[in-house]
Amino acid sequence: MPLEKHDLLHELPESREAIHLLKANSGHFARLFDEYHELDHEIHRIESGAENTSDDYLENQKKQRLSLKDQLYTMVREYEAAAAG
């Protein structure tokens, strides 16, 4: 079974423009975005067998990625709502 990447632009393709604008205009969003993608790449390397680690470490990294994703998703949706209204 192929490993699934959780790239934010693939997860929220309809929000590509909002993500781009937030990355350019919000240092906080840009930092969270970069942290999310670093974690996603690390998790992908572990799951593909390129790196070895404990199951607990991998689970903690996945929880951290999910938390970041939730924060980023909220920021994108708030930005889109403000831009629309």
PDB file of N, CA and C in Angstrom:
ATOM      1  N   MET A   1       0.839  -1.171   0.000  1.00  0.00           N
ATOM      2  CA  MET A   1       0.000   0.000   0.000  1.00  0.00           C
ATOM      3  C   MET A   1       0.892   1.245   0.000  1.00  0.00           C
ATOM      4  N   PRO A   2       0.667   2.164  -0.947  1.00  0.00           N
ATOM      5  CA  PRO A   2       1.499   3.357  -1.002  1.00  0.00           C
ATOM      6  C   PRO A   2       1.237   4.272   0.196  1.00  0.00           C
ATOM      7  N   LEU A   3       2.295   4.922   0.641  1.00  0.00           N
ATOM      8  CA  LEU A   3       2.164   5.845   1.757  1.00  0.00           C
ATOM      9  C   LEU A   3       1.542   7.139   1.285  1.00  0.00           C
ATOM     10  N   GLU A   4       0.659   7.658   2.106  1.00  0.00           N
ATOM     11  CA  GLU A   4      -0.034   8.886   1.751  1.00  0.00           C
ATOM     12  C   GLU A   4       0.709  10.078   2.334  1.00  0.00           C
ATOM     13  N   LYS A   5       0.950  11.071   1.492  1.00  0.00           N
ATOM     14  CA  LYS A   5       1.540  12.312   1.967  1.00  0.00           C
ATOM     15  C   LYS A   5       0.402  13.214   2.417  1.00  0.00           C
ATOM     16  N   HIS A   6       0.680  14.020   3.398  1.00  0.00           N
ATOM     17  CA  HIS A   6      -0.341  14.902   3.948  1.00  0.00           C
ATOM     18  C   HIS A   6       0.000  16.361   3.694  1.00  0.00           C
ATOM     19  N   ASP A   7       0.565  16.640   2.536  1.00  0.00           N
ATOM     20  CA  ASP A   7       0.908  17.987   2.135  1.00  0.00           C
ATOM     21  C   ASP A   7      -0.324  18.878   2.229  1.00  0.00           C
ATOM     22  N   LEU A   8      -0.184  20.029   2.875  1.00  0.00           N
ATOM     23  CA  LEU A   8      -1.336  20.894   3.126  1.00  0.00           C
ATOM     24  C   LEU A   8      -2.013  21.356   1.841  1.00  0.00           C
ATOM     25  N   LEU A   9      -1.249  21.621   0.802  1.00  0.00           N
ATOM     26  CA  LEU A   9      -1.850  22.061  -0.458  1.00  0.00           C
ATOM     27  C   LEU A   9      -2.664  20.952  -1.116  1.00  0.00           C
ATOM     28  N   HIS A  10      -2.280  19.695  -0.875  1.00  0.00           N
ATOM     29  CA  HIS A  10      -3.067  18.579  -1.391  1.00  0.00           C
ATOM     30  C   HIS A  10      -4.278  18.298  -0.509  1.00  0.00           C
ATOM     31  N   GLU A  11      -4.154  18.600   0.772  1.00  0.00           N
ATOM     32  CA  GLU A  11      -5.263  18.403   1.702  1.00  0.00           C
ATOM     33  C   GLU A  11      -6.347  19.463   1.511  1.00  0.00           C
ATOM     34  N   LEU A  12      -5.945  20.681   1.127  1.00  0.00           N
ATOM     35  CA  LEU A  12      -6.884  21.797   0.958  1.00  0.00           C
ATOM     36  C   LEU A  12      -6.691  22.465  -0.400  1.00  0.00           C
ATOM     37  N   PRO A  13      -6.901  21.738  -1.487  1.00  0.00           N
ATOM     38  CA  PRO A  13      -6.628  22.309  -2.813  1.00  0.00           C
ATOM     39  C   PRO A  13      -7.484  23.530  -3.132  1.00  0.00           C
ATOM     40  N   GLU A  14      -8.687  23.587  -2.574  1.00  0.00           N
ATOM     41  CA  GLU A  14      -9.567  24.725  -2.835  1.00  0.00           C
ATOM     42  C   GLU A  14      -9.083  25.998  -2.131  1.00  0.00           C
ATOM     43  N   SER A  15      -8.127  25.851  -1.217  1.00  0.00           N
ATOM     44  CA  SER A  15      -7.619  26.994  -0.448  1.00  0.00           C
ATOM     45  C   SER A  15      -6.207  27.390  -0.848  1.00  0.00           C
ATOM     46  N   ARG A  16      -5.770  26.949  -2.014  1.00  0.00           N
ATOM     47  CA  ARG A  16      -4.397  27.207  -2.463  1.00  0.00           C
ATOM     48  C   ARG A  16      -4.047  28.696  -2.407  1.00  0.00           C
ATOM     49  N   GLU A  17      -4.939  29.554  -2.901  1.00  0.00           N
ATOM     50  CA  GLU A  17      -4.645  30.990  -2.926  1.00  0.00           C
ATOM     51  C   GLU A  17      -4.569  31.558  -1.512  1.00  0.00           C
ATOM     52  N   ALA A  18      -5.502  31.179  -0.650  1.00  0.00           N
ATOM     53  CA  ALA A  18      -5.488  31.665   0.732  1.00  0.00           C
ATOM     54  C   ALA A  18      -4.213  31.226   1.449  1.00  0.00           C
ATOM     55  N   ILE A  19      -3.797  29.981   1.241  1.00  0.00           N
ATOM     56  CA  ILE A  19      -2.570  29.480   1.859  1.00  0.00           C
ATOM     57  C   ILE A  19      -1.377  30.293   1.378  1.00  0.00           C
ATOM     58  N   HIS A  20      -1.301  30.544   0.092  1.00  0.00           N
ATOM     59  CA  HIS A  20      -0.200  31.328  -0.465  1.00  0.00           C
ATOM     60  C   HIS A  20      -0.167  32.734   0.144  1.00  0.00           C
ATOM     61  N   LEU A  21      -1.328  33.384   0.213  1.00  0.00           N
ATOM     62  CA  LEU A  21      -1.382  34.743   0.759  1.00  0.00           C
ATOM     63  C   LEU A  21      -1.047  34.762   2.245  1.00  0.00           C
ATOM     64  N   LEU A  22      -1.513  33.786   2.989  1.00  0.00           N
ATOM     65  CA  LEU A  22      -1.192  33.713   4.412  1.00  0.00           C
ATOM     66  C   LEU A  22       0.302  33.466   4.633  1.00  0.00           C
ATOM     67  N   LYS A  23       0.899  32.592   3.828  1.00  0.00           N
ATOM     68  CA  LYS A  23       2.341  32.352   3.950  1.00  0.00           C
ATOM     69  C   LYS A  23       3.126  33.626   3.699  1.00  0.00           C
ATOM     70  N   ALA A  24       2.667  34.436   2.741  1.00  0.00           N
ATOM     71  CA  ALA A  24       3.377  35.659   2.374  1.00  0.00           C
ATOM     72  C   ALA A  24       3.162  36.789   3.379  1.00  0.00           C
ATOM     73  N   ASN A  25       2.007  36.784   4.051  1.00  0.00           N
ATOM     74  CA  ASN A  25       1.639  37.934   4.873  1.00  0.00           C
ATOM     75  C   ASN A  25       1.573  37.675   6.375  1.00  0.00           C
ATOM     76  N   SER A  26       1.701  36.449   6.794  1.00  0.00           N
ATOM     77  CA  SER A  26       1.629  36.129   8.219  1.00  0.00           C
ATOM     78  C   SER A  26       2.835  35.290   8.616  1.00  0.00           C
ATOM     79  N   GLY A  27       3.721  35.894   9.381  1.00  0.00           N
ATOM     80  CA  GLY A  27       4.897  35.161   9.850  1.00  0.00           C
ATOM     81  C   GLY A  27       4.511  33.965  10.704  1.00  0.00           C
ATOM     82  N   HIS A  28       3.465  34.118  11.519  1.00  0.00           N
ATOM     83  CA  HIS A  28       3.005  33.020  12.367  1.00  0.00           C
ATOM     84  C   HIS A  28       2.514  31.856  11.509  1.00  0.00           C
ATOM     85  N   PHE A  29       1.691  32.150  10.511  1.00  0.00           N
ATOM     86  CA  PHE A  29       1.204  31.095   9.621  1.00  0.00           C
ATOM     87  C   PHE A  29       2.368  30.431   8.891  1.00  0.00           C
ATOM     88  N   ALA A  30       3.298  31.233   8.393  1.00  0.00           N
ATOM     89  CA  ALA A  30       4.443  30.692   7.653  1.00  0.00           C
ATOM     90  C   ALA A  30       5.274  29.752   8.526  1.00  0.00           C
ATOM     91  N   ARG A  31       5.479  30.119   9.804  1.00  0.00           N
ATOM     92  CA  ARG A  31       6.244  29.253  10.712  1.00  0.00           C
ATOM     93  C   ARG A  31       5.512  27.937  10.958  1.00  0.00           C
ATOM     94  N   LEU A  32       4.203  28.028  11.221  1.00  0.00           N
ATOM     95  CA  LEU A  32       3.425  26.806  11.440  1.00  0.00           C
ATOM     96  C   LEU A  32       3.405  25.936  10.182  1.00  0.00           C
ATOM     97  N   PHE A  33       3.267  26.569   9.019  1.00  0.00           N
ATOM     98  CA  PHE A  33       3.258  25.863   7.742  1.00  0.00           C
ATOM     99  C   PHE A  33       4.569  25.098   7.548  1.00  0.00           C
ATOM    100  N   ASP A  34       5.692  25.774   7.785  1.00  0.00           N
ATOM    101  CA  ASP A  34       7.000  25.127   7.636  1.00  0.00           C
ATOM    102  C   ASP A  34       7.171  23.985   8.633  1.00  0.00           C
ATOM    103  N   GLU A  35       6.748  24.210   9.877  1.00  0.00           N
ATOM    104  CA  GLU A  35       6.850  23.167  10.891  1.00  0.00           C
ATOM    105  C   GLU A  35       6.001  21.962  10.514  1.00  0.00           C
ATOM    106  N   TYR A  36       4.794  22.216  10.022  1.00  0.00           N
ATOM    107  CA  TYR A  36       3.904  21.141   9.585  1.00  0.00           C
ATOM    108  C   TYR A  36       4.575  20.302   8.486  1.00  0.00           C
ATOM    109  N   HIS A  37       5.144  20.977   7.501  1.00  0.00           N
ATOM    110  CA  HIS A  37       5.745  20.244   6.383  1.00  0.00           C
ATOM    111  C   HIS A  37       7.011  19.499   6.773  1.00  0.00           C
ATOM    112  N   GLU A  38       7.788  20.052   7.692  1.00  0.00           N
ATOM    113  CA  GLU A  38       8.956  19.316   8.188  1.00  0.00           C
ATOM    114  C   GLU A  38       8.513  18.043   8.899  1.00  0.00           C
ATOM    115  N   LEU A  39       7.480  18.157   9.742  1.00  0.00           N
ATOM    116  CA  LEU A  39       6.950  16.974  10.428  1.00  0.00           C
ATOM    117  C   LEU A  39       6.387  15.962   9.444  1.00  0.00           C
ATOM    118  N   ASP A  40       5.653  16.439   8.450  1.00  0.00           N
ATOM    119  CA  ASP A  40       5.071  15.539   7.459  1.00  0.00           C
ATOM    120  C   ASP A  40       6.161  14.761   6.724  1.00  0.00           C
ATOM    121  N   HIS A  41       7.229  15.446   6.356  1.00  0.00           N
ATOM    122  CA  HIS A  41       8.340  14.766   5.660  1.00  0.00           C
ATOM    123  C   HIS A  41       9.020  13.755   6.584  1.00  0.00           C
ATOM    124  N   GLU A  42       9.212  14.135   7.847  1.00  0.00           N
ATOM    125  CA  GLU A  42       9.832  13.209   8.795  1.00  0.00           C
ATOM    126  C   GLU A  42       8.971  11.957   8.965  1.00  0.00           C
ATOM    127  N   ILE A  43       7.672  12.146   9.136  1.00  0.00           N
ATOM    128  CA  ILE A  43       6.761  11.015   9.305  1.00  0.00           C
ATOM    129  C   ILE A  43       6.773  10.135   8.064  1.00  0.00           C
ATOM    130  N   HIS A  44       6.793  10.740   6.902  1.00  0.00           N
ATOM    131  CA  HIS A  44       6.837   9.965   5.659  1.00  0.00           C
ATOM    132  C   HIS A  44       8.122   9.147   5.575  1.00  0.00           C
ATOM    133  N   ARG A  45       9.255   9.743   5.963  1.00  0.00           N
ATOM    134  CA  ARG A  45      10.529   8.996   5.946  1.00  0.00           C
ATOM    135  C   ARG A  45      10.477   7.813   6.906  1.00  0.00           C
ATOM    136  N   ILE A  46       9.902   8.018   8.090  1.00  0.00           N
ATOM    137  CA  ILE A  46       9.807   6.932   9.070  1.00  0.00           C
ATOM    138  C   ILE A  46       8.906   5.822   8.548  1.00  0.00           C
ATOM    139  N   GLU A  47       7.743   6.205   8.023  1.00  0.00           N
ATOM    140  CA  GLU A  47       6.798   5.210   7.541  1.00  0.00           C
ATOM    141  C   GLU A  47       7.314   4.453   6.319  1.00  0.00           C
ATOM    142  N   SER A  48       8.167   5.098   5.531  1.00  0.00           N
ATOM    143  CA  SER A  48       8.714   4.431   4.346  1.00  0.00           C
ATOM    144  C   SER A  48       9.914   3.545   4.683  1.00  0.00           C
ATOM    145  N   GLY A  49      10.368   3.602   5.934  1.00  0.00           N
ATOM    146  CA  GLY A  49      11.499   2.774   6.353  1.00  0.00           C
ATOM    147  C   GLY A  49      12.839   3.436   6.177  1.00  0.00           C
ATOM    148  N   ALA A  50      12.876   4.685   5.709  1.00  0.00           N
ATOM    149  CA  ALA A  50      14.134   5.392   5.521  1.00  0.00           C
ATOM    150  C   ALA A  50      14.764   5.778   6.860  1.00  0.00           C
ATOM    151  N   GLU A  51      13.936   5.912   7.890  1.00  0.00           N
ATOM    152  CA  GLU A  51      14.407   6.209   9.241  1.00  0.00           C
ATOM    153  C   GLU A  51      13.724   5.259  10.205  1.00  0.00           C
ATOM    154  N   ASN A  52      14.438   4.906  11.258  1.00  0.00           N
ATOM    155  CA  ASN A  52      13.865   4.029  12.280  1.00  0.00           C
ATOM    156  C   ASN A  52      13.668   4.812  13.563  1.00  0.00           C
ATOM    157  N   THR A  53      12.574   4.503  14.236  1.00  0.00           N
ATOM    158  CA  THR A  53      12.271   5.140  15.510  1.00  0.00           C
ATOM    159  C   THR A  53      11.263   4.287  16.248  1.00  0.00           C
ATOM    160  N   SER A  54      10.954   4.666  17.468  1.00  0.00           N
ATOM    161  CA  SER A  54       9.961   3.907  18.236  1.00  0.00           C
ATOM    162  C   SER A  54       8.551   4.245  17.766  1.00  0.00           C
ATOM    163  N   ASP A  55       7.641   3.337  18.029  1.00  0.00           N
ATOM    164  CA  ASP A  55       6.234   3.579  17.692  1.00  0.00           C
ATOM    165  C   ASP A  55       5.689   4.774  18.469  1.00  0.00           C
ATOM    166  N   ASP A  56       6.112   4.911  19.725  1.00  0.00           N
ATOM    167  CA  ASP A  56       5.656   6.042  20.546  1.00  0.00           C
ATOM    168  C   ASP A  56       6.097   7.365  19.937  1.00  0.00           C
ATOM    169  N   TYR A  57       7.336   7.429  19.474  1.00  0.00           N
ATOM    170  CA  TYR A  57       7.833   8.656  18.857  1.00  0.00           C
ATOM    171  C   TYR A  57       7.023   8.992  17.613  1.00  0.00           C
ATOM    172  N   LEU A  58       6.778   7.989  16.775  1.00  0.00           N
ATOM    173  CA  LEU A  58       6.013   8.201  15.550  1.00  0.00           C
ATOM    174  C   LEU A  58       4.599   8.680  15.887  1.00  0.00           C
ATOM    175  N   GLU A  59       3.967   8.066  16.877  1.00  0.00           N
ATOM    176  CA  GLU A  59       2.618   8.482  17.272  1.00  0.00           C
ATOM    177  C   GLU A  59       2.613   9.926  17.769  1.00  0.00           C
ATOM    178  N   ASN A  60       3.618  10.302  18.550  1.00  0.00           N
ATOM    179  CA  ASN A  60       3.706  11.685  19.038  1.00  0.00           C
ATOM    180  C   ASN A  60       3.893  12.665  17.888  1.00  0.00           C
ATOM    181  N   GLN A  61       4.690  12.292  16.903  1.00  0.00           N
ATOM    182  CA  GLN A  61       4.904  13.162  15.745  1.00  0.00           C
ATOM    183  C   GLN A  61       3.603  13.316  14.951  1.00  0.00           C
ATOM    184  N   LYS A  62       2.860  12.240  14.820  1.00  0.00           N
ATOM    185  CA  LYS A  62       1.582  12.302  14.104  1.00  0.00           C
ATOM    186  C   LYS A  62       0.582  13.190  14.850  1.00  0.00           C
ATOM    187  N   LYS A  63       0.569  13.113  16.168  1.00  0.00           N
ATOM    188  CA  LYS A  63      -0.315  13.967  16.966  1.00  0.00           C
ATOM    189  C   LYS A  63       0.074  15.437  16.807  1.00  0.00           C
ATOM    190  N   GLN A  64       1.379  15.693  16.807  1.00  0.00           N
ATOM    191  CA  GLN A  64       1.860  17.064  16.614  1.00  0.00           C
ATOM    192  C   GLN A  64       1.456  17.575  15.229  1.00  0.00           C
ATOM    193  N   ARG A  65       1.610  16.732  14.208  1.00  0.00           N
ATOM    194  CA  ARG A  65       1.226  17.118  12.849  1.00  0.00           C
ATOM    195  C   ARG A  65      -0.265  17.436  12.790  1.00  0.00           C
ATOM    196  N   LEU A  66      -1.084  16.623  13.419  1.00  0.00           N
ATOM    197  CA  LEU A  66      -2.522  16.849  13.426  1.00  0.00           C
ATOM    198  C   LEU A  66      -2.877  18.162  14.124  1.00  0.00           C
ATOM    199  N   SER A  67      -2.202  18.448  15.224  1.00  0.00           N
ATOM    200  CA  SER A  67      -2.434  19.704  15.934  1.00  0.00           C
ATOM    201  C   SER A  67      -2.086  20.902  15.053  1.00  0.00           C
ATOM    202  N   LEU A  68      -0.940  20.824  14.382  1.00  0.00           N
ATOM    203  CA  LEU A  68      -0.548  21.908  13.479  1.00  0.00           C
ATOM    204  C   LEU A  68      -1.538  22.046  12.333  1.00  0.00           C
ATOM    205  N   LYS A  69      -1.967  20.927  11.803  1.00  0.00           N
ATOM    206  CA  LYS A  69      -2.929  20.955  10.697  1.00  0.00           C
ATOM    207  C   LYS A  69      -4.229  21.619  11.130  1.00  0.00           C
ATOM    208  N   ASP A  70      -4.694  21.301  12.332  1.00  0.00           N
ATOM    209  CA  ASP A  70      -5.905  21.920  12.853  1.00  0.00           C
ATOM    210  C   ASP A  70      -5.744  23.441  12.970  1.00  0.00           C
ATOM    211  N   GLN A  71      -4.597  23.876  13.481  1.00  0.00           N
ATOM    212  CA  GLN A  71      -4.341  25.310  13.617  1.00  0.00           C
ATOM    213  C   GLN A  71      -4.308  25.991  12.253  1.00  0.00           C
ATOM    214  N   LEU A  72      -3.597  25.382  11.314  1.00  0.00           N
ATOM    215  CA  LEU A  72      -3.495  25.953   9.972  1.00  0.00           C
ATOM    216  C   LEU A  72      -4.856  25.986   9.284  1.00  0.00           C
ATOM    217  N   TYR A  73      -5.623  24.919   9.421  1.00  0.00           N
ATOM    218  CA  TYR A  73      -6.949  24.844   8.816  1.00  0.00           C
ATOM    219  C   TYR A  73      -7.837  25.968   9.358  1.00  0.00           C
ATOM    220  N   THR A  74      -7.807  26.163  10.662  1.00  0.00           N
ATOM    221  CA  THR A  74      -8.601  27.228  11.280  1.00  0.00           C
ATOM    222  C   THR A  74      -8.186  28.590  10.749  1.00  0.00           C
ATOM    223  N   MET A  75      -6.887  28.829  10.643  1.00  0.00           N
ATOM    224  CA  MET A  75      -6.401  30.114  10.142  1.00  0.00           C
ATOM    225  C   MET A  75      -6.830  30.332   8.692  1.00  0.00           C
ATOM    226  N   VAL A  76      -6.769  29.299   7.872  1.00  0.00           N
ATOM    227  CA  VAL A  76      -7.183  29.408   6.467  1.00  0.00           C
ATOM    228  C   VAL A  76      -8.665  29.717   6.380  1.00  0.00           C
ATOM    229  N   ARG A  77      -9.483  28.984   7.127  1.00  0.00           N
ATOM    230  CA  ARG A  77     -10.932  29.198   7.084  1.00  0.00           C
ATOM    231  C   ARG A  77     -11.306  30.593   7.591  1.00  0.00           C
ATOM    232  N   GLU A  78     -10.651  31.066   8.648  1.00  0.00           N
ATOM    233  CA  GLU A  78     -10.921  32.415   9.152  1.00  0.00           C
ATOM    234  C   GLU A  78     -10.529  33.469   8.109  1.00  0.00           C
ATOM    235  N   TYR A  79      -9.398  33.261   7.450  1.00  0.00           N
ATOM    236  CA  TYR A  79      -8.955  34.191   6.415  1.00  0.00           C
ATOM    237  C   TYR A  79      -9.951  34.215   5.261  1.00  0.00           C
ATOM    238  N   GLU A  80     -10.387  33.043   4.828  1.00  0.00           N
ATOM    239  CA  GLU A  80     -11.345  32.962   3.724  1.00  0.00           C
ATOM    240  C   GLU A  80     -12.678  33.613   4.092  1.00  0.00           C
ATOM    241  N   ALA A  81     -13.124  33.408   5.329  1.00  0.00           N
ATOM    242  CA  ALA A  81     -14.386  34.007   5.765  1.00  0.00           C
ATOM    243  C   ALA A  81     -14.277  35.524   5.800  1.00  0.00           C
ATOM    244  N   ALA A  82     -13.142  36.038   6.271  1.00  0.00           N
ATOM    245  CA  ALA A  82     -12.932  37.494   6.328  1.00  0.00           C
ATOM    246  C   ALA A  82     -12.849  38.086   4.919  1.00  0.00           C
ATOM    247  N   ALA A  83     -12.211  37.360   4.014  1.00  0.00           N
ATOM    248  CA  ALA A  83     -12.058  37.848   2.635  1.00  0.00           C
ATOM    249  C   ALA A  83     -13.397  37.843   1.893  1.00  0.00           C
ATOM    250  N   ALA A  84     -14.258  36.914   2.246  1.00  0.00           N
ATOM    251  CA  ALA A  84     -15.557  36.802   1.576  1.00  0.00           C
ATOM    252  C   ALA A  84     -16.581  37.795   2.119  1.00  0.00           C
ATOM    253  N   GLY A  85     -16.381  38.221   3.347  1.00  0.00           N
ATOM    254  CA  GLY A  85     -17.425  39.028   3.942  1.00  0.00           C
ATOM    255  C   GLY A  85     -16.967  40.344   4.356  1.00  0.00           C
TER     256      GLY A  85
END
